[in-house]
Amino acid sequence: MKNNLAEVFKVLGNETRLEMLSWLKDPMEHFDKPTAHLSKNISEKGGVCVGDIQEKAKLSQSTTSHYLSMLQRIGLLESERHGKWTYYRRNEERIEEVMDLIKREV
């Protein structure tokens, strides 16, 4: 695993970052604007626009981007850029790896 557990726990040790992961688990439930979602015609993987995540989190654009990049750096999120918009989605495979590591190591 390229990141150690201490780094993962550090990133997850923030309630807002945990909420972001939770919202992205079921984006249709948490982001009700159709424009928030990456069209399935564009990408089969989907994703939520960073601006809509920022709006829901009630944070500045820079803080929201920083939080999302932290989650992406440890592999829990993936991003996809379309034009000037960036869309984020969970990396379920990596989340499973982290959960397995916690089960084994902690």
PDB file of N, CA and C in Angstrom:
ATOM      1  N   MET A   1       0.847  -1.177   0.000  1.00  0.00           N
ATOM      2  CA  MET A   1       0.000   0.000   0.000  1.00  0.00           C
ATOM      3  C   MET A   1       0.889   1.236   0.000  1.00  0.00           C
ATOM      4  N   LYS A   2       0.627   2.147  -0.927  1.00  0.00           N
ATOM      5  CA  LYS A   2       1.550   3.257  -1.099  1.00  0.00           C
ATOM      6  C   LYS A   2       1.451   4.309   0.004  1.00  0.00           C
ATOM      7  N   ASN A   3       0.346   4.373   0.721  1.00  0.00           N
ATOM      8  CA  ASN A   3       0.223   5.311   1.834  1.00  0.00           C
ATOM      9  C   ASN A   3       0.116   4.513   3.118  1.00  0.00           C
ATOM     10  N   ASN A   4       0.751   4.997   4.180  1.00  0.00           N
ATOM     11  CA  ASN A   4       0.630   4.269   5.429  1.00  0.00           C
ATOM     12  C   ASN A   4      -0.675   4.623   6.127  1.00  0.00           C
ATOM     13  N   LEU A   5      -1.045   3.802   7.072  1.00  0.00           N
ATOM     14  CA  LEU A   5      -2.313   4.005   7.767  1.00  0.00           C
ATOM     15  C   LEU A   5      -2.369   5.327   8.514  1.00  0.00           C
ATOM     16  N   ALA A   6      -1.253   5.780   9.048  1.00  0.00           N
ATOM     17  CA  ALA A   6      -1.260   7.059   9.767  1.00  0.00           C
ATOM     18  C   ALA A   6      -1.695   8.190   8.839  1.00  0.00           C
ATOM     19  N   GLU A   7      -1.214   8.176   7.598  1.00  0.00           N
ATOM     20  CA  GLU A   7      -1.606   9.205   6.630  1.00  0.00           C
ATOM     21  C   GLU A   7      -3.086   9.095   6.290  1.00  0.00           C
ATOM     22  N   VAL A   8      -3.577   7.871   6.116  1.00  0.00           N
ATOM     23  CA  VAL A   8      -5.002   7.664   5.833  1.00  0.00           C
ATOM     24  C   VAL A   8      -5.843   8.187   6.993  1.00  0.00           C
ATOM     25  N   PHE A   9      -5.460   7.838   8.221  1.00  0.00           N
ATOM     26  CA  PHE A   9      -6.218   8.302   9.385  1.00  0.00           C
ATOM     27  C   PHE A   9      -6.157   9.819   9.519  1.00  0.00           C
ATOM     28  N   LYS A  10      -5.020  10.406   9.176  1.00  0.00           N
ATOM     29  CA  LYS A  10      -4.881  11.864   9.240  1.00  0.00           C
ATOM     30  C   LYS A  10      -5.885  12.528   8.292  1.00  0.00           C
ATOM     31  N   VAL A  11      -5.955  12.025   7.072  1.00  0.00           N
ATOM     32  CA  VAL A  11      -6.874  12.595   6.095  1.00  0.00           C
ATOM     33  C   VAL A  11      -8.324  12.349   6.514  1.00  0.00           C
ATOM     34  N   LEU A  12      -8.606  11.167   7.041  1.00  0.00           N
ATOM     35  CA  LEU A  12      -9.981  10.844   7.432  1.00  0.00           C
ATOM     36  C   LEU A  12     -10.361  11.434   8.794  1.00  0.00           C
ATOM     37  N   GLY A  13      -9.408  12.056   9.473  1.00  0.00           N
ATOM     38  CA  GLY A  13      -9.667  12.619  10.791  1.00  0.00           C
ATOM     39  C   GLY A  13     -10.329  13.985  10.744  1.00  0.00           C
ATOM     40  N   ASN A  14     -11.107  14.241   9.720  1.00  0.00           N
ATOM     41  CA  ASN A  14     -11.810  15.504   9.553  1.00  0.00           C
ATOM     42  C   ASN A  14     -13.248  15.187   9.163  1.00  0.00           C
ATOM     43  N   GLU A  15     -14.191  15.710   9.923  1.00  0.00           N
ATOM     44  CA  GLU A  15     -15.605  15.373   9.711  1.00  0.00           C
ATOM     45  C   GLU A  15     -16.088  15.742   8.305  1.00  0.00           C
ATOM     46  N   THR A  16     -15.658  16.887   7.802  1.00  0.00           N
ATOM     47  CA  THR A  16     -16.114  17.306   6.471  1.00  0.00           C
ATOM     48  C   THR A  16     -15.581  16.387   5.384  1.00  0.00           C
ATOM     49  N   ARG A  17     -14.324  15.972   5.492  1.00  0.00           N
ATOM     50  CA  ARG A  17     -13.780  15.046   4.486  1.00  0.00           C
ATOM     51  C   ARG A  17     -14.511  13.708   4.547  1.00  0.00           C
ATOM     52  N   LEU A  18     -14.848  13.256   5.752  1.00  0.00           N
ATOM     53  CA  LEU A  18     -15.639  12.021   5.873  1.00  0.00           C
ATOM     54  C   LEU A  18     -17.018  12.192   5.244  1.00  0.00           C
ATOM     55  N   GLU A  19     -17.625  13.365   5.464  1.00  0.00           N
ATOM     56  CA  GLU A  19     -18.936  13.626   4.855  1.00  0.00           C
ATOM     57  C   GLU A  19     -18.838  13.606   3.332  1.00  0.00           C
ATOM     58  N   MET A  20     -17.786  14.194   2.787  1.00  0.00           N
ATOM     59  CA  MET A  20     -17.613  14.185   1.329  1.00  0.00           C
ATOM     60  C   MET A  20     -17.581  12.763   0.790  1.00  0.00           C
ATOM     61  N   LEU A  21     -16.839  11.897   1.461  1.00  0.00           N
ATOM     62  CA  LEU A  21     -16.796  10.485   1.041  1.00  0.00           C
ATOM     63  C   LEU A  21     -18.182   9.847   1.125  1.00  0.00           C
ATOM     64  N   SER A  22     -18.903  10.168   2.177  1.00  0.00           N
ATOM     65  CA  SER A  22     -20.249   9.629   2.362  1.00  0.00           C
ATOM     66  C   SER A  22     -21.198  10.139   1.273  1.00  0.00           C
ATOM     67  N   TRP A  23     -21.145  11.431   0.986  1.00  0.00           N
ATOM     68  CA  TRP A  23     -22.011  11.983  -0.061  1.00  0.00           C
ATOM     69  C   TRP A  23     -21.738  11.325  -1.397  1.00  0.00           C
ATOM     70  N   LEU A  24     -20.478  11.065  -1.684  1.00  0.00           N
ATOM     71  CA  LEU A  24     -20.113  10.486  -2.978  1.00  0.00           C
ATOM     72  C   LEU A  24     -20.429   8.997  -3.066  1.00  0.00           C
ATOM     73  N   LYS A  25     -20.746   8.388  -1.924  1.00  0.00           N
ATOM     74  CA  LYS A  25     -21.158   6.978  -1.947  1.00  0.00           C
ATOM     75  C   LYS A  25     -22.502   6.847  -2.654  1.00  0.00           C
ATOM     76  N   ASP A  26     -23.390   7.816  -2.431  1.00  0.00           N
ATOM     77  CA  ASP A  26     -24.696   7.813  -3.086  1.00  0.00           C
ATOM     78  C   ASP A  26     -24.993   9.225  -3.590  1.00  0.00           C
ATOM     79  N   PRO A  27     -24.321   9.630  -4.674  1.00  0.00           N
ATOM     80  CA  PRO A  27     -24.439  11.014  -5.124  1.00  0.00           C
ATOM     81  C   PRO A  27     -25.852  11.427  -5.542  1.00  0.00           C
ATOM     82  N   MET A  28     -26.640  10.499  -6.063  1.00  0.00           N
ATOM     83  CA  MET A  28     -27.995  10.859  -6.491  1.00  0.00           C
ATOM     84  C   MET A  28     -28.853  11.275  -5.291  1.00  0.00           C
ATOM     85  N   GLU A  29     -28.560  10.735  -4.140  1.00  0.00           N
ATOM     86  CA  GLU A  29     -29.300  11.085  -2.924  1.00  0.00           C
ATOM     87  C   GLU A  29     -28.844  12.430  -2.356  1.00  0.00           C
ATOM     88  N   HIS A  30     -27.564  12.731  -2.465  1.00  0.00           N
ATOM     89  CA  HIS A  30     -27.004  13.904  -1.797  1.00  0.00           C
ATOM     90  C   HIS A  30     -26.861  15.137  -2.683  1.00  0.00           C
ATOM     91  N   PHE A  31     -26.889  14.959  -3.989  1.00  0.00           N
ATOM     92  CA  PHE A  31     -26.755  16.082  -4.917  1.00  0.00           C
ATOM     93  C   PHE A  31     -27.936  16.025  -5.869  1.00  0.00           C
ATOM     94  N   ASP A  32     -28.960  16.847  -5.577  1.00  0.00           N
ATOM     95  CA  ASP A  32     -30.211  16.714  -6.318  1.00  0.00           C
ATOM     96  C   ASP A  32     -30.272  17.516  -7.614  1.00  0.00           C
ATOM     97  N   LYS A  33     -29.274  18.375  -7.872  1.00  0.00           N
ATOM     98  CA  LYS A  33     -29.276  19.117  -9.136  1.00  0.00           C
ATOM     99  C   LYS A  33     -28.749  18.217 -10.247  1.00  0.00           C
ATOM    100  N   PRO A  34     -29.482  18.091 -11.339  1.00  0.00           N
ATOM    101  CA  PRO A  34     -29.005  17.243 -12.436  1.00  0.00           C
ATOM    102  C   PRO A  34     -27.638  17.687 -12.963  1.00  0.00           C
ATOM    103  N   THR A  35     -27.342  18.980 -12.902  1.00  0.00           N
ATOM    104  CA  THR A  35     -26.071  19.480 -13.411  1.00  0.00           C
ATOM    105  C   THR A  35     -24.899  19.097 -12.522  1.00  0.00           C
ATOM    106  N   ALA A  36     -25.164  18.611 -11.315  1.00  0.00           N
ATOM    107  CA  ALA A  36     -24.094  18.220 -10.398  1.00  0.00           C
ATOM    108  C   ALA A  36     -23.391  16.953 -10.870  1.00  0.00           C
ATOM    109  N   HIS A  37     -24.102  16.132 -11.614  1.00  0.00           N
ATOM    110  CA  HIS A  37     -23.607  14.803 -11.969  1.00  0.00           C
ATOM    111  C   HIS A  37     -23.005  14.781 -13.359  1.00  0.00           C
ATOM    112  N   LEU A  38     -21.917  14.048 -13.477  1.00  0.00           N
ATOM    113  CA  LEU A  38     -21.295  13.827 -14.774  1.00  0.00           C
ATOM    114  C   LEU A  38     -22.207  12.907 -15.577  1.00  0.00           C
ATOM    115  N   SER A  39     -22.566  13.337 -16.744  1.00  0.00           N
ATOM    116  CA  SER A  39     -23.467  12.572 -17.591  1.00  0.00           C
ATOM    117  C   SER A  39     -22.905  11.174 -17.853  1.00  0.00           C
ATOM    118  N   LYS A  40     -23.746  10.181 -17.731  1.00  0.00           N
ATOM    119  CA  LYS A  40     -23.314   8.807 -18.002  1.00  0.00           C
ATOM    120  C   LYS A  40     -22.930   8.651 -19.473  1.00  0.00           C
ATOM    121  N   ASN A  41     -23.399   9.545 -20.335  1.00  0.00           N
ATOM    122  CA  ASN A  41     -22.991   9.486 -21.735  1.00  0.00           C
ATOM    123  C   ASN A  41     -21.530   9.879 -21.889  1.00  0.00           C
ATOM    124  N   ILE A  42     -21.052  10.775 -21.015  1.00  0.00           N
ATOM    125  CA  ILE A  42     -19.665  11.222 -21.082  1.00  0.00           C
ATOM    126  C   ILE A  42     -18.745  10.191 -20.438  1.00  0.00           C
ATOM    127  N   SER A  43     -19.173   9.662 -19.298  1.00  0.00           N
ATOM    128  CA  SER A  43     -18.327   8.716 -18.573  1.00  0.00           C
ATOM    129  C   SER A  43     -19.202   7.695 -17.868  1.00  0.00           C
ATOM    130  N   GLU A  44     -18.925   6.440 -18.087  1.00  0.00           N
ATOM    131  CA  GLU A  44     -19.681   5.383 -17.418  1.00  0.00           C
ATOM    132  C   GLU A  44     -19.432   5.383 -15.912  1.00  0.00           C
ATOM    133  N   LYS A  45     -18.320   5.990 -15.492  1.00  0.00           N
ATOM    134  CA  LYS A  45     -17.965   5.979 -14.081  1.00  0.00           C
ATOM    135  C   LYS A  45     -18.726   7.016 -13.272  1.00  0.00           C
ATOM    136  N   GLY A  46     -19.196   8.079 -13.899  1.00  0.00           N
ATOM    137  CA  GLY A  46     -19.919   9.126 -13.191  1.00  0.00           C
ATOM    138  C   GLY A  46     -19.000  10.003 -12.366  1.00  0.00           C
ATOM    139  N   GLY A  47     -19.600  10.863 -11.556  1.00  0.00           N
ATOM    140  CA  GLY A  47     -18.854  11.773 -10.703  1.00  0.00           C
ATOM    141  C   GLY A  47     -19.693  12.983 -10.371  1.00  0.00           C
ATOM    142  N   VAL A  48     -19.249  13.776  -9.398  1.00  0.00           N
ATOM    143  CA  VAL A  48     -19.966  14.972  -8.966  1.00  0.00           C
ATOM    144  C   VAL A  48     -19.039  16.166  -9.150  1.00  0.00           C
ATOM    145  N   CYS A  49     -19.590  17.248  -9.671  1.00  0.00           N
ATOM    146  CA  CYS A  49     -18.834  18.463  -9.934  1.00  0.00           C
ATOM    147  C   CYS A  49     -18.318  19.069  -8.625  1.00  0.00           C
ATOM    148  N   VAL A  50     -17.063  19.512  -8.644  1.00  0.00           N
ATOM    149  CA  VAL A  50     -16.438  20.078  -7.449  1.00  0.00           C
ATOM    150  C   VAL A  50     -17.233  21.274  -6.918  1.00  0.00           C
ATOM    151  N   GLY A  51     -17.828  22.061  -7.805  1.00  0.00           N
ATOM    152  CA  GLY A  51     -18.619  23.212  -7.364  1.00  0.00           C
ATOM    153  C   GLY A  51     -19.819  22.804  -6.531  1.00  0.00           C
ATOM    154  N   ASP A  52     -20.429  21.687  -6.876  1.00  0.00           N
ATOM    155  CA  ASP A  52     -21.584  21.210  -6.114  1.00  0.00           C
ATOM    156  C   ASP A  52     -21.163  20.616  -4.774  1.00  0.00           C
ATOM    157  N   ILE A  53     -19.987  19.995  -4.739  1.00  0.00           N
ATOM    158  CA  ILE A  53     -19.450  19.505  -3.466  1.00  0.00           C
ATOM    159  C   ILE A  53     -19.152  20.701  -2.566  1.00  0.00           C
ATOM    160  N   GLN A  54     -18.572  21.738  -3.144  1.00  0.00           N
ATOM    161  CA  GLN A  54     -18.265  22.955  -2.385  1.00  0.00           C
ATOM    162  C   GLN A  54     -19.534  23.577  -1.816  1.00  0.00           C
ATOM    163  N   GLU A  55     -20.562  23.667  -2.635  1.00  0.00           N
ATOM    164  CA  GLU A  55     -21.831  24.257  -2.195  1.00  0.00           C
ATOM    165  C   GLU A  55     -22.422  23.477  -1.023  1.00  0.00           C
ATOM    166  N   LYS A  56     -22.416  22.162  -1.123  1.00  0.00           N
ATOM    167  CA  LYS A  56     -22.977  21.328  -0.056  1.00  0.00           C
ATOM    168  C   LYS A  56     -22.134  21.415   1.214  1.00  0.00           C
ATOM    169  N   ALA A  57     -20.817  21.476   1.058  1.00  0.00           N
ATOM    170  CA  ALA A  57     -19.930  21.533   2.222  1.00  0.00           C
ATOM    171  C   ALA A  57     -19.907  22.916   2.878  1.00  0.00           C
ATOM    172  N   LYS A  58     -20.377  23.930   2.139  1.00  0.00           N
ATOM    173  CA  LYS A  58     -20.375  25.306   2.637  1.00  0.00           C
ATOM    174  C   LYS A  58     -18.959  25.766   3.014  1.00  0.00           C
ATOM    175  N   LEU A  59     -18.018  25.460   2.137  1.00  0.00           N
ATOM    176  CA  LEU A  59     -16.618  25.831   2.330  1.00  0.00           C
ATOM    177  C   LEU A  59     -16.167  26.682   1.155  1.00  0.00           C
ATOM    178  N   SER A  60     -15.043  27.337   1.309  1.00  0.00           N
ATOM    179  CA  SER A  60     -14.468  28.096   0.202  1.00  0.00           C
ATOM    180  C   SER A  60     -14.020  27.131  -0.888  1.00  0.00           C
ATOM    181  N   GLN A  61     -13.832  27.671  -2.078  1.00  0.00           N
ATOM    182  CA  GLN A  61     -13.375  26.852  -3.192  1.00  0.00           C
ATOM    183  C   GLN A  61     -11.995  26.268  -2.890  1.00  0.00           C
ATOM    184  N   SER A  62     -11.117  27.071  -2.300  1.00  0.00           N
ATOM    185  CA  SER A  62      -9.756  26.582  -2.040  1.00  0.00           C
ATOM    186  C   SER A  62      -9.747  25.472  -0.987  1.00  0.00           C
ATOM    187  N   THR A  63     -10.546  25.617   0.063  1.00  0.00           N
ATOM    188  CA  THR A  63     -10.617  24.578   1.097  1.00  0.00           C
ATOM    189  C   THR A  63     -11.217  23.301   0.528  1.00  0.00           C
ATOM    190  N   THR A  64     -12.283  23.434  -0.243  1.00  0.00           N
ATOM    191  CA  THR A  64     -12.915  22.267  -0.858  1.00  0.00           C
ATOM    192  C   THR A  64     -11.922  21.541  -1.759  1.00  0.00           C
ATOM    193  N   SER A  65     -11.228  22.287  -2.603  1.00  0.00           N
ATOM    194  CA  SER A  65     -10.244  21.671  -3.507  1.00  0.00           C
ATOM    195  C   SER A  65      -9.129  20.989  -2.721  1.00  0.00           C
ATOM    196  N   HIS A  66      -8.690  21.626  -1.645  1.00  0.00           N
ATOM    197  CA  HIS A  66      -7.638  21.039  -0.804  1.00  0.00           C
ATOM    198  C   HIS A  66      -8.109  19.722  -0.194  1.00  0.00           C
ATOM    199  N   TYR A  67      -9.319  19.711   0.355  1.00  0.00           N
ATOM    200  CA  TYR A  67      -9.861  18.487   0.959  1.00  0.00           C
ATOM    201  C   TYR A  67      -9.991  17.379  -0.071  1.00  0.00           C
ATOM    202  N   LEU A  68     -10.510  17.714  -1.255  1.00  0.00           N
ATOM    203  CA  LEU A  68     -10.672  16.706  -2.301  1.00  0.00           C
ATOM    204  C   LEU A  68      -9.312  16.177  -2.766  1.00  0.00           C
ATOM    205  N   SER A  69      -8.320  17.068  -2.871  1.00  0.00           N
ATOM    206  CA  SER A  69      -6.994  16.603  -3.301  1.00  0.00           C
ATOM    207  C   SER A  69      -6.345  15.719  -2.242  1.00  0.00           C
ATOM    208  N   MET A  70      -6.604  15.989  -0.968  1.00  0.00           N
ATOM    209  CA  MET A  70      -6.082  15.117   0.096  1.00  0.00           C
ATOM    210  C   MET A  70      -6.667  13.719  -0.036  1.00  0.00           C
ATOM    211  N   LEU A  71      -7.986  13.644  -0.254  1.00  0.00           N
ATOM    212  CA  LEU A  71      -8.650  12.349  -0.411  1.00  0.00           C
ATOM    213  C   LEU A  71      -8.166  11.637  -1.674  1.00  0.00           C
ATOM    214  N   GLN A  72      -7.893  12.413  -2.704  1.00  0.00           N
ATOM    215  CA  GLN A  72      -7.378  11.823  -3.946  1.00  0.00           C
ATOM    216  C   GLN A  72      -5.938  11.350  -3.760  1.00  0.00           C
ATOM    217  N   ARG A  73      -5.132  12.106  -3.026  1.00  0.00           N
ATOM    218  CA  ARG A  73      -3.726  11.748  -2.824  1.00  0.00           C
ATOM    219  C   ARG A  73      -3.579  10.378  -2.152  1.00  0.00           C
ATOM    220  N   ILE A  74      -4.471  10.049  -1.217  1.00  0.00           N
ATOM    221  CA  ILE A  74      -4.392   8.740  -0.567  1.00  0.00           C
ATOM    222  C   ILE A  74      -5.198   7.684  -1.330  1.00  0.00           C
ATOM    223  N   GLY A  75      -5.763   8.078  -2.478  1.00  0.00           N
ATOM    224  CA  GLY A  75      -6.396   7.120  -3.374  1.00  0.00           C
ATOM    225  C   GLY A  75      -7.860   6.853  -3.154  1.00  0.00           C
ATOM    226  N   LEU A  76      -8.501   7.555  -2.218  1.00  0.00           N
ATOM    227  CA  LEU A  76      -9.907   7.275  -1.936  1.00  0.00           C
ATOM    228  C   LEU A  76     -10.857   7.922  -2.939  1.00  0.00           C
ATOM    229  N   LEU A  77     -10.375   8.938  -3.660  1.00  0.00           N
ATOM    230  CA  LEU A  77     -11.177   9.586  -4.696  1.00  0.00           C
ATOM    231  C   LEU A  77     -10.422   9.562  -6.011  1.00  0.00           C
ATOM    232  N   GLU A  78     -11.194   9.597  -7.090  1.00  0.00           N
ATOM    233  CA  GLU A  78     -10.664   9.756  -8.441  1.00  0.00           C
ATOM    234  C   GLU A  78     -11.318  11.009  -9.015  1.00  0.00           C
ATOM    235  N   SER A  79     -10.625  11.658  -9.939  1.00  0.00           N
ATOM    236  CA  SER A  79     -11.227  12.829 -10.577  1.00  0.00           C
ATOM    237  C   SER A  79     -11.142  12.687 -12.081  1.00  0.00           C
ATOM    238  N   GLU A  80     -12.035  13.410 -12.736  1.00  0.00           N
ATOM    239  CA  GLU A  80     -12.078  13.411 -14.193  1.00  0.00           C
ATOM    240  C   GLU A  80     -12.426  14.827 -14.622  1.00  0.00           C
ATOM    241  N   ARG A  81     -11.635  15.358 -15.525  1.00  0.00           N
ATOM    242  CA  ARG A  81     -11.845  16.735 -15.977  1.00  0.00           C
ATOM    243  C   ARG A  81     -12.570  16.726 -17.319  1.00  0.00           C
ATOM    244  N   HIS A  82     -13.592  17.571 -17.413  1.00  0.00           N
ATOM    245  CA  HIS A  82     -14.336  17.756 -18.667  1.00  0.00           C
ATOM    246  C   HIS A  82     -14.466  19.253 -18.879  1.00  0.00           C
ATOM    247  N   GLY A  83     -13.726  19.771 -19.848  1.00  0.00           N
ATOM    248  CA  GLY A  83     -13.709  21.216 -20.072  1.00  0.00           C
ATOM    249  C   GLY A  83     -13.124  21.905 -18.853  1.00  0.00           C
ATOM    250  N   LYS A  84     -13.842  22.888 -18.337  1.00  0.00           N
ATOM    251  CA  LYS A  84     -13.343  23.599 -17.163  1.00  0.00           C
ATOM    252  C   LYS A  84     -13.838  22.990 -15.852  1.00  0.00           C
ATOM    253  N   TRP A  85     -14.581  21.910 -15.919  1.00  0.00           N
ATOM    254  CA  TRP A  85     -15.171  21.299 -14.723  1.00  0.00           C
ATOM    255  C   TRP A  85     -14.426  20.026 -14.341  1.00  0.00           C
ATOM    256  N   THR A  86     -14.268  19.822 -13.041  1.00  0.00           N
ATOM    257  CA  THR A  86     -13.675  18.592 -12.521  1.00  0.00           C
ATOM    258  C   THR A  86     -14.736  17.854 -11.718  1.00  0.00           C
ATOM    259  N   TYR A  87     -14.847  16.562 -11.966  1.00  0.00           N
ATOM    260  CA  TYR A  87     -15.820  15.711 -11.301  1.00  0.00           C
ATOM    261  C   TYR A  87     -15.092  14.681 -10.451  1.00  0.00           C
ATOM    262  N   TYR A  88     -15.616  14.436  -9.257  1.00  0.00           N
ATOM    263  CA  TYR A  88     -14.997  13.483  -8.334  1.00  0.00           C
ATOM    264  C   TYR A  88     -15.927  12.307  -8.084  1.00  0.00           C
ATOM    265  N   ARG A  89     -15.309  11.148  -7.878  1.00  0.00           N
ATOM    266  CA  ARG A  89     -16.044   9.928  -7.507  1.00  0.00           C
ATOM    267  C   ARG A  89     -15.157   9.111  -6.575  1.00  0.00           C
ATOM    268  N   ARG A  90     -15.792   8.223  -5.836  1.00  0.00           N
ATOM    269  CA  ARG A  90     -15.059   7.348  -4.923  1.00  0.00           C
ATOM    270  C   ARG A  90     -14.291   6.288  -5.695  1.00  0.00           C
ATOM    271  N   ASN A  91     -13.153   5.897  -5.144  1.00  0.00           N
ATOM    272  CA  ASN A  91     -12.383   4.775  -5.677  1.00  0.00           C
ATOM    273  C   ASN A  91     -12.693   3.587  -4.762  1.00  0.00           C
ATOM    274  N   GLU A  92     -13.732   2.853  -5.109  1.00  0.00           N
ATOM    275  CA  GLU A  92     -14.227   1.780  -4.237  1.00  0.00           C
ATOM    276  C   GLU A  92     -13.181   0.693  -4.017  1.00  0.00           C
ATOM    277  N   GLU A  93     -12.369   0.408  -5.023  1.00  0.00           N
ATOM    278  CA  GLU A  93     -11.334  -0.617  -4.883  1.00  0.00           C
ATOM    279  C   GLU A  93     -10.331  -0.208  -3.801  1.00  0.00           C
ATOM    280  N   ARG A  94      -9.909   1.033  -3.817  1.00  0.00           N
ATOM    281  CA  ARG A  94      -8.953   1.535  -2.823  1.00  0.00           C
ATOM    282  C   ARG A  94      -9.587   1.588  -1.425  1.00  0.00           C
ATOM    283  N   ILE A  95     -10.845   1.966  -1.362  1.00  0.00           N
ATOM    284  CA  ILE A  95     -11.539   1.998  -0.067  1.00  0.00           C
ATOM    285  C   ILE A  95     -11.564   0.598   0.535  1.00  0.00           C
ATOM    286  N   GLU A  96     -11.821  -0.406  -0.293  1.00  0.00           N
ATOM    287  CA  GLU A  96     -11.800  -1.800   0.183  1.00  0.00           C
ATOM    288  C   GLU A  96     -10.407  -2.198   0.668  1.00  0.00           C
ATOM    289  N   GLU A  97      -9.371  -1.780  -0.063  1.00  0.00           N
ATOM    290  CA  GLU A  97      -7.991  -2.084   0.351  1.00  0.00           C
ATOM    291  C   GLU A  97      -7.698  -1.494   1.728  1.00  0.00           C
ATOM    292  N   VAL A  98      -8.113  -0.248   1.943  1.00  0.00           N
ATOM    293  CA  VAL A  98      -7.885   0.413   3.232  1.00  0.00           C
ATOM    294  C   VAL A  98      -8.649  -0.317   4.338  1.00  0.00           C
ATOM    295  N   MET A  99      -9.893  -0.694   4.068  1.00  0.00           N
ATOM    296  CA  MET A  99     -10.681  -1.412   5.065  1.00  0.00           C
ATOM    297  C   MET A  99     -10.040  -2.749   5.409  1.00  0.00           C
ATOM    298  N   ASP A 100      -9.540  -3.460   4.402  1.00  0.00           N
ATOM    299  CA  ASP A 100      -8.858  -4.733   4.654  1.00  0.00           C
ATOM    300  C   ASP A 100      -7.585  -4.539   5.473  1.00  0.00           C
ATOM    301  N   LEU A 101      -6.828  -3.493   5.143  1.00  0.00           N
ATOM    302  CA  LEU A 101      -5.611  -3.207   5.885  1.00  0.00           C
ATOM    303  C   LEU A 101      -5.920  -2.897   7.351  1.00  0.00           C
ATOM    304  N   ILE A 102      -6.953  -2.126   7.581  1.00  0.00           N
ATOM    305  CA  ILE A 102      -7.348  -1.806   8.962  1.00  0.00           C
ATOM    306  C   ILE A 102      -7.715  -3.094   9.708  1.00  0.00           C
ATOM    307  N   LYS A 103      -8.464  -3.964   9.064  1.00  0.00           N
ATOM    308  CA  LYS A 103      -8.844  -5.236   9.685  1.00  0.00           C
ATOM    309  C   LYS A 103      -7.619  -6.064  10.048  1.00  0.00           C
ATOM    310  N   ARG A 104      -6.610  -6.072   9.185  1.00  0.00           N
ATOM    311  CA  ARG A 104      -5.418  -6.870   9.415  1.00  0.00           C
ATOM    312  C   ARG A 104      -4.479  -6.240  10.434  1.00  0.00           C
ATOM    313  N   GLU A 105      -4.311  -4.915  10.381  1.00  0.00           N
ATOM    314  CA  GLU A 105      -3.260  -4.249  11.126  1.00  0.00           C
ATOM    315  C   GLU A 105      -3.687  -3.611  12.452  1.00  0.00           C
ATOM    316  N   VAL A 106      -4.954  -3.298  12.567  1.00  0.00           N
ATOM    317  CA  VAL A 106      -5.385  -2.539  13.757  1.00  0.00           C
ATOM    318  C   VAL A 106      -6.147  -3.444  14.710  1.00  0.00           C
TER     319      VAL A 106
END
